[in-house]
Amino acid sequence: IDFQTASSSSGQALTRVQSAAAAGSKLIIGPATNKEVSQIISGAVDQRPPVLALVANNSSGGKNIWPLYGDAIDSALEGVGVAVAAKQKNIVVVHEAGFPAENLLRLREGIKLKGGNTLGFVPYPASGINLQAAFAKGQVVFAKANTIVLLGGGEAIGQVIDILAAGEFGRSIATAIATSLLPEEIYKRPSAQGLMVAIPSTADVPVIAERFKAKFGRAPSYDAAIGYDSIAIAAGLVRSGGADAITPENLTSNTGFRAATGLFRFRPDGRIERRMVVHRIENGSLKVIQEEGEGF
């Protein structure tokens, strides 16, 4: 395997991809910005090799380009799976105004696949101004729901949780699901106790920690583990089938990959599907209620 590195801020992503394709490269890892992913998608590259981009799921969309990070929608859907299994299937989604429409659509589709029913979406101002009025507009939807999904991690999310926990809206709601966007400082709020939160697994990161620390003098971050896993995918395919085994068909195997950052697979539609560990906030910290599982 030959490695060639380039800065993600160099603005040369498309040029690098074109050069790599011309040189016969089998896989490209990177870039790490949404802008450069868009450049690669729009650029004409003959016989472009598969690309594993160091970005989150909402940046996918190009042929044979997959993001390596899950996002808040993936996190929400892991919680939805737990709620649906508990017969809490009628779901209302509360989100910051301006939340990307494509992600709300992906959430709706994912809820349906999980066996849930999306009753509606209730937006709220990210500024936190007039939250009561915003939620009053969703009163009819709140009244029918038994599960709520809270999208957002900005300044207003604490107020949102306080208001909804007070019970004026959604008195029939039994299950509340936050996402990986939720800031850790919110865990201490009394109103946040009982919220479900799904986050990526880091249980297997210690597997690479000793070698990483010996080389770099520090413990690996989650980002470093993502980079390690991207190389491990390529190496594993080459070991099992030679250099020609790095193909879109093998990358999108239904069984997926288990690596330092947990269990994941690349879907034919250009997204990554990451299993996460579902927690409940109790006494200001996360308590595991469902592990990521053994497979898809």
Protein backbone atom coordinates (compact mmCIF):
# COMPACT_ATOMS: atom_id res chain seq x y z
CA ILE A 1 0.00 0.00 0.00
CA ASP A 2 1.37 3.41 -0.98
CA PHE A 3 0.43 6.48 1.09
CA GLN A 4 0.37 10.03 -0.19
CA THR A 5 -0.73 12.79 2.15
CA ALA A 6 -2.19 16.23 1.51
CA SER A 7 -3.51 19.00 3.73
CA SER A 8 -7.28 19.28 3.81
CA SER A 9 -6.94 23.06 3.72
CA SER A 10 -4.81 23.06 0.59
CA GLY A 11 -7.79 23.31 -1.77
CA GLN A 12 -6.26 20.65 -3.96
CA ALA A 13 -8.64 17.78 -3.21
CA LEU A 14 -9.97 17.42 -6.75
CA THR A 15 -6.50 17.67 -8.27
CA ARG A 16 -5.21 15.04 -5.87
CA VAL A 17 -8.11 12.72 -6.68
CA GLN A 18 -7.54 13.16 -10.40
CA SER A 19 -3.84 12.39 -9.99
CA ALA A 20 -4.55 9.37 -7.81
CA ALA A 21 -7.06 8.01 -10.32
CA ALA A 22 -4.58 8.45 -13.17
CA ALA A 23 -1.90 6.64 -11.13
CA GLY A 24 -4.18 3.65 -10.58
CA SER A 25 -4.90 4.15 -6.88
CA LYS A 26 -7.42 1.70 -5.43
CA LEU A 27 -8.76 3.83 -2.55
CA ILE A 28 -8.73 7.45 -1.43
CA ILE A 29 -9.11 8.43 2.23
CA GLY A 30 -10.17 12.02 2.73
CA PRO A 31 -10.75 14.90 2.37
CA ALA A 32 -11.90 16.21 5.74
CA THR A 33 -14.15 19.11 4.72
CA ASN A 34 -17.61 19.21 3.17
CA LYS A 35 -16.47 21.79 0.62
CA GLU A 36 -13.80 19.51 -0.77
CA VAL A 37 -16.16 16.54 -0.87
CA SER A 38 -18.50 18.68 -2.98
CA GLN A 39 -15.62 19.53 -5.30
CA ILE A 40 -14.85 15.85 -5.79
CA ILE A 41 -18.51 15.05 -6.43
CA SER A 42 -18.84 17.78 -9.06
CA GLY A 43 -15.46 17.19 -10.69
CA ALA A 44 -15.18 14.88 -13.69
CA VAL A 45 -12.77 12.09 -12.79
CA ASP A 46 -12.50 9.07 -15.08
CA GLN A 47 -12.48 5.75 -13.23
CA ARG A 48 -12.30 7.43 -9.84
CA PRO A 49 -11.43 4.94 -7.09
CA PRO A 50 -13.71 4.67 -4.03
CA VAL A 51 -13.41 7.58 -1.59
CA LEU A 52 -13.76 7.33 2.20
CA ALA A 53 -14.29 10.94 3.28
CA LEU A 54 -13.47 12.15 6.78
CA VAL A 55 -16.83 13.88 7.15
CA ALA A 56 -20.23 13.16 8.70
CA ASN A 57 -23.16 11.39 7.08
CA ASN A 58 -25.02 14.48 5.91
CA SER A 59 -22.24 15.25 3.44
CA SER A 60 -22.65 12.12 1.36
CA GLY A 61 -24.13 11.97 -2.09
CA GLY A 62 -21.44 11.26 -4.66
CA LYS A 63 -21.03 7.98 -6.51
CA ASN A 64 -18.67 5.67 -4.63
CA ILE A 65 -18.00 8.33 -1.98
CA TRP A 66 -18.77 7.40 1.62
CA PRO A 67 -18.48 9.42 4.83
CA LEU A 68 -16.70 7.81 7.78
CA TYR A 69 -18.55 9.56 10.62
CA GLY A 70 -22.09 9.00 11.79
CA ASP A 71 -24.21 12.04 12.68
CA ALA A 72 -27.10 13.15 14.87
CA ILE A 73 -29.67 11.40 12.67
CA ASP A 74 -27.85 8.08 13.12
CA SER A 75 -27.80 8.74 16.86
CA ALA A 76 -31.53 9.54 16.95
CA LEU A 77 -32.44 6.41 15.01
CA GLU A 78 -30.57 4.16 17.43
CA GLY A 79 -32.74 5.60 20.20
CA VAL A 80 -35.85 5.25 18.05
CA GLY A 81 -35.12 1.54 17.69
CA VAL A 82 -35.20 1.14 21.46
CA ALA A 83 -38.43 3.16 21.74
CA VAL A 84 -40.20 1.17 19.02
CA ALA A 85 -39.17 -2.09 20.67
CA ALA A 86 -40.88 -0.79 23.82
CA LYS A 87 -44.08 -0.07 21.83
CA GLN A 88 -43.50 3.70 21.95
CA LYS A 89 -44.02 4.13 18.19
CA ASN A 90 -45.79 7.49 17.79
CA ILE A 91 -43.01 10.01 17.41
CA VAL A 92 -42.80 13.79 17.31
CA VAL A 93 -39.54 15.44 16.24
CA VAL A 94 -38.49 18.74 17.79
CA HIS A 95 -35.67 20.49 15.94
CA GLU A 96 -33.92 23.80 15.51
CA ALA A 97 -35.41 25.94 12.77
CA GLY A 98 -33.21 25.63 9.74
CA PHE A 99 -32.17 22.05 10.45
CA PRO A 100 -31.27 20.58 7.02
CA ALA A 101 -34.39 19.32 5.27
CA GLU A 102 -32.54 16.36 3.76
CA ASN A 103 -31.64 15.17 7.25
CA LEU A 104 -35.21 15.52 8.49
CA LEU A 105 -36.31 13.44 5.51
CA ARG A 106 -33.67 10.83 6.32
CA LEU A 107 -34.92 10.75 9.90
CA ARG A 108 -38.52 10.26 8.78
CA GLU A 109 -37.49 7.44 6.44
CA GLY A 110 -35.37 5.85 9.15
CA ILE A 111 -38.21 6.00 11.68
CA LYS A 112 -40.47 4.22 9.21
CA LEU A 113 -37.86 1.51 8.63
CA LYS A 114 -37.60 1.03 12.40
CA GLY A 115 -41.35 0.51 12.59
CA GLY A 116 -42.22 3.91 14.02
CA ASN A 117 -44.69 6.57 12.94
CA THR A 118 -43.59 10.20 12.54
CA LEU A 119 -46.52 12.35 13.61
CA GLY A 120 -44.88 15.64 12.75
CA PHE A 121 -41.97 18.06 13.10
CA VAL A 122 -41.99 20.98 15.52
CA PRO A 123 -39.29 23.62 14.85
CA TYR A 124 -38.00 25.99 17.51
CA PRO A 125 -35.85 29.14 17.21
CA ALA A 126 -32.16 28.44 17.79
CA SER A 127 -31.99 31.73 19.69
CA GLY A 128 -34.25 30.32 22.40
CA ILE A 129 -36.64 33.26 22.05
CA ASN A 130 -40.39 32.53 22.28
CA LEU A 131 -39.94 28.80 22.76
CA GLN A 132 -43.32 28.48 24.46
CA ALA A 133 -45.04 29.96 21.42
CA ALA A 134 -43.13 27.66 19.09
CA PHE A 135 -44.19 24.57 21.02
CA ALA A 136 -47.78 25.77 21.31
CA LYS A 137 -48.02 25.51 17.52
CA GLY A 138 -47.26 21.80 17.83
CA GLN A 139 -49.77 21.13 20.59
CA VAL A 140 -51.94 18.81 18.48
CA VAL A 141 -48.95 16.69 17.47
CA PHE A 142 -47.57 16.60 21.01
CA ALA A 143 -50.91 15.33 22.31
CA LYS A 144 -50.76 12.22 20.10
CA ALA A 145 -47.11 11.30 20.67
CA ASN A 146 -45.59 8.86 23.14
CA THR A 147 -41.98 9.44 22.00
CA ILE A 148 -40.13 12.67 21.30
CA VAL A 149 -36.86 13.12 19.40
CA LEU A 150 -34.89 16.26 20.30
CA LEU A 151 -32.56 17.45 17.54
CA GLY A 152 -30.09 20.14 18.41
CA GLY A 153 -27.14 20.93 20.60
CA GLY A 154 -26.98 24.70 20.54
CA GLU A 155 -27.55 27.31 23.22
CA ALA A 156 -31.30 26.79 23.32
CA ILE A 157 -31.34 23.02 23.88
CA GLY A 158 -31.20 23.30 27.67
CA GLN A 159 -34.26 25.58 27.70
CA VAL A 160 -36.03 23.24 25.29
CA ILE A 161 -35.48 20.29 27.60
CA ASP A 162 -36.59 22.30 30.65
CA ILE A 163 -39.86 23.34 29.00
CA LEU A 164 -40.73 19.91 27.66
CA ALA A 165 -39.83 18.19 30.94
CA ALA A 166 -42.23 20.52 32.77
CA GLY A 167 -45.10 18.65 31.10
CA GLU A 168 -47.10 21.49 29.60
CA PHE A 169 -46.52 19.97 26.16
CA GLY A 170 -46.71 16.29 25.39
CA ARG A 171 -48.11 14.87 28.59
CA SER A 172 -48.52 11.48 26.91
CA ILE A 173 -44.82 11.28 26.01
CA ALA A 174 -43.12 8.42 27.82
CA THR A 175 -39.79 8.31 25.96
CA ALA A 176 -37.48 11.21 25.15
CA ILE A 177 -34.53 10.80 22.80
CA ALA A 178 -31.70 13.30 22.51
CA THR A 179 -28.75 12.86 20.15
CA SER A 180 -24.97 12.94 20.03
CA LEU A 181 -25.27 16.73 19.53
CA LEU A 182 -26.32 17.14 23.17
CA PRO A 183 -23.51 18.88 25.10
CA GLU A 184 -22.20 16.89 28.06
CA GLU A 185 -22.86 19.76 30.46
CA ILE A 186 -26.58 19.26 29.83
CA TYR A 187 -26.35 15.79 31.43
CA LYS A 188 -26.30 17.45 34.85
CA ARG A 189 -29.61 19.27 34.41
CA PRO A 190 -32.46 17.77 36.44
CA SER A 191 -34.72 18.04 33.38
CA ALA A 192 -32.32 15.87 31.33
CA GLN A 193 -32.53 12.85 33.62
CA GLY A 194 -34.10 9.94 31.76
CA LEU A 195 -33.19 11.15 28.27
CA MET A 196 -31.86 8.51 25.90
CA VAL A 197 -28.63 9.34 24.06
CA ALA A 198 -26.83 7.11 21.55
CA ILE A 199 -23.13 7.74 20.94
CA PRO A 200 -20.46 5.92 18.94
CA SER A 201 -18.69 3.07 20.66
CA THR A 202 -15.12 3.65 21.87
CA ALA A 203 -14.79 0.29 23.63
CA ASP A 204 -12.30 -1.05 21.09
CA VAL A 205 -10.15 2.07 20.78
CA PRO A 206 -7.76 0.71 23.49
CA VAL A 207 -6.86 -2.04 21.01
CA ILE A 208 -4.78 0.49 19.08
CA ALA A 209 -3.84 2.72 22.04
CA GLU A 210 -0.51 1.16 22.99
CA ARG A 211 1.00 1.30 19.51
CA PHE A 212 -0.44 4.77 18.88
CA LYS A 213 0.96 6.17 22.13
CA ALA A 214 4.37 4.62 21.47
CA LYS A 215 4.54 6.46 18.14
CA PHE A 216 2.83 9.76 18.93
CA GLY A 217 3.23 10.12 22.69
CA ARG A 218 -0.47 10.43 23.46
CA ALA A 219 -3.65 8.37 23.60
CA PRO A 220 -5.59 8.15 20.32
CA SER A 221 -8.57 10.45 19.89
CA TYR A 222 -11.77 9.27 18.25
CA ASP A 223 -10.67 11.09 15.08
CA ALA A 224 -7.37 9.22 15.13
CA ALA A 225 -9.24 5.94 15.54
CA ILE A 226 -11.41 6.80 12.52
CA GLY A 227 -8.25 7.31 10.48
CA TYR A 228 -6.82 4.04 11.75
CA ASP A 229 -10.00 2.19 10.80
CA SER A 230 -10.00 3.62 7.28
CA ILE A 231 -6.54 2.14 6.71
CA ALA A 232 -7.57 -1.11 8.39
CA ILE A 233 -10.49 -1.48 5.93
CA ALA A 234 -8.12 -1.26 2.98
CA ALA A 235 -5.54 -3.55 4.55
CA GLY A 236 -8.16 -6.15 5.47
CA LEU A 237 -9.58 -6.29 1.95
CA VAL A 238 -6.10 -6.55 0.43
CA ARG A 239 -5.12 -9.36 2.82
CA SER A 240 -8.25 -11.32 1.98
CA GLY A 241 -8.33 -10.83 -1.78
CA GLY A 242 -5.37 -8.85 -3.05
CA ALA A 243 -5.24 -5.26 -4.29
CA ASP A 244 -8.18 -5.77 -6.63
CA ALA A 245 -10.43 -6.59 -3.64
CA ILE A 246 -10.90 -2.88 -2.88
CA THR A 247 -14.11 -2.45 -4.84
CA PRO A 248 -17.45 -0.69 -4.23
CA GLU A 249 -19.09 -4.13 -4.06
CA ASN A 250 -16.79 -5.33 -1.26
CA LEU A 251 -16.96 -2.01 0.57
CA THR A 252 -20.77 -2.20 0.63
CA SER A 253 -20.93 -5.75 1.96
CA ASN A 254 -24.05 -6.23 4.11
CA THR A 255 -21.97 -7.66 6.94
CA GLY A 256 -20.02 -4.42 7.27
CA PHE A 257 -16.86 -3.94 9.31
CA ARG A 258 -15.99 -4.17 12.99
CA ALA A 259 -13.06 -1.96 13.91
CA ALA A 260 -11.70 0.30 16.65
CA THR A 261 -14.65 2.68 16.25
CA GLY A 262 -17.24 -0.07 16.44
CA LEU A 263 -19.56 -1.69 13.92
CA PHE A 264 -20.39 0.03 10.65
CA ARG A 265 -21.12 -0.58 6.99
CA PHE A 266 -21.18 1.49 3.82
CA ARG A 267 -24.52 1.58 2.06
CA PRO A 268 -25.03 1.60 -1.71
CA ASP A 269 -26.80 4.97 -1.39
CA GLY A 270 -23.55 6.67 -0.33
CA ARG A 271 -24.04 6.76 3.43
CA ILE A 272 -22.40 5.06 6.35
CA GLU A 273 -24.53 3.11 8.81
CA ARG A 274 -22.94 3.11 12.26
CA ARG A 275 -24.27 1.17 15.20
CA MET A 276 -24.06 3.12 18.43
CA VAL A 277 -24.35 2.43 22.13
CA VAL A 278 -27.65 3.66 23.58
CA HIS A 279 -27.50 5.25 27.03
CA ARG A 280 -29.91 6.78 29.47
CA ILE A 281 -28.93 9.86 31.46
CA GLU A 282 -29.09 8.99 35.15
CA ASN A 283 -27.67 11.06 38.00
CA GLY A 284 -25.86 13.31 35.56
CA SER A 285 -24.02 10.60 33.63
CA LEU A 286 -24.63 8.03 30.91
CA LYS A 287 -25.78 4.51 31.77
CA VAL A 288 -25.67 1.91 29.00
CA ILE A 289 -29.07 0.41 28.19
CA GLN A 290 -28.21 -1.21 24.84
CA GLU A 291 -24.84 -2.16 23.38
CA GLU A 292 -24.16 -1.75 19.68
CA GLY A 293 -24.72 -5.45 19.02
CA GLU A 294 -22.87 -8.10 17.06
CA GLY A 295 -24.10 -7.30 13.55
CA PHE A 296 -26.71 -5.69 11.33
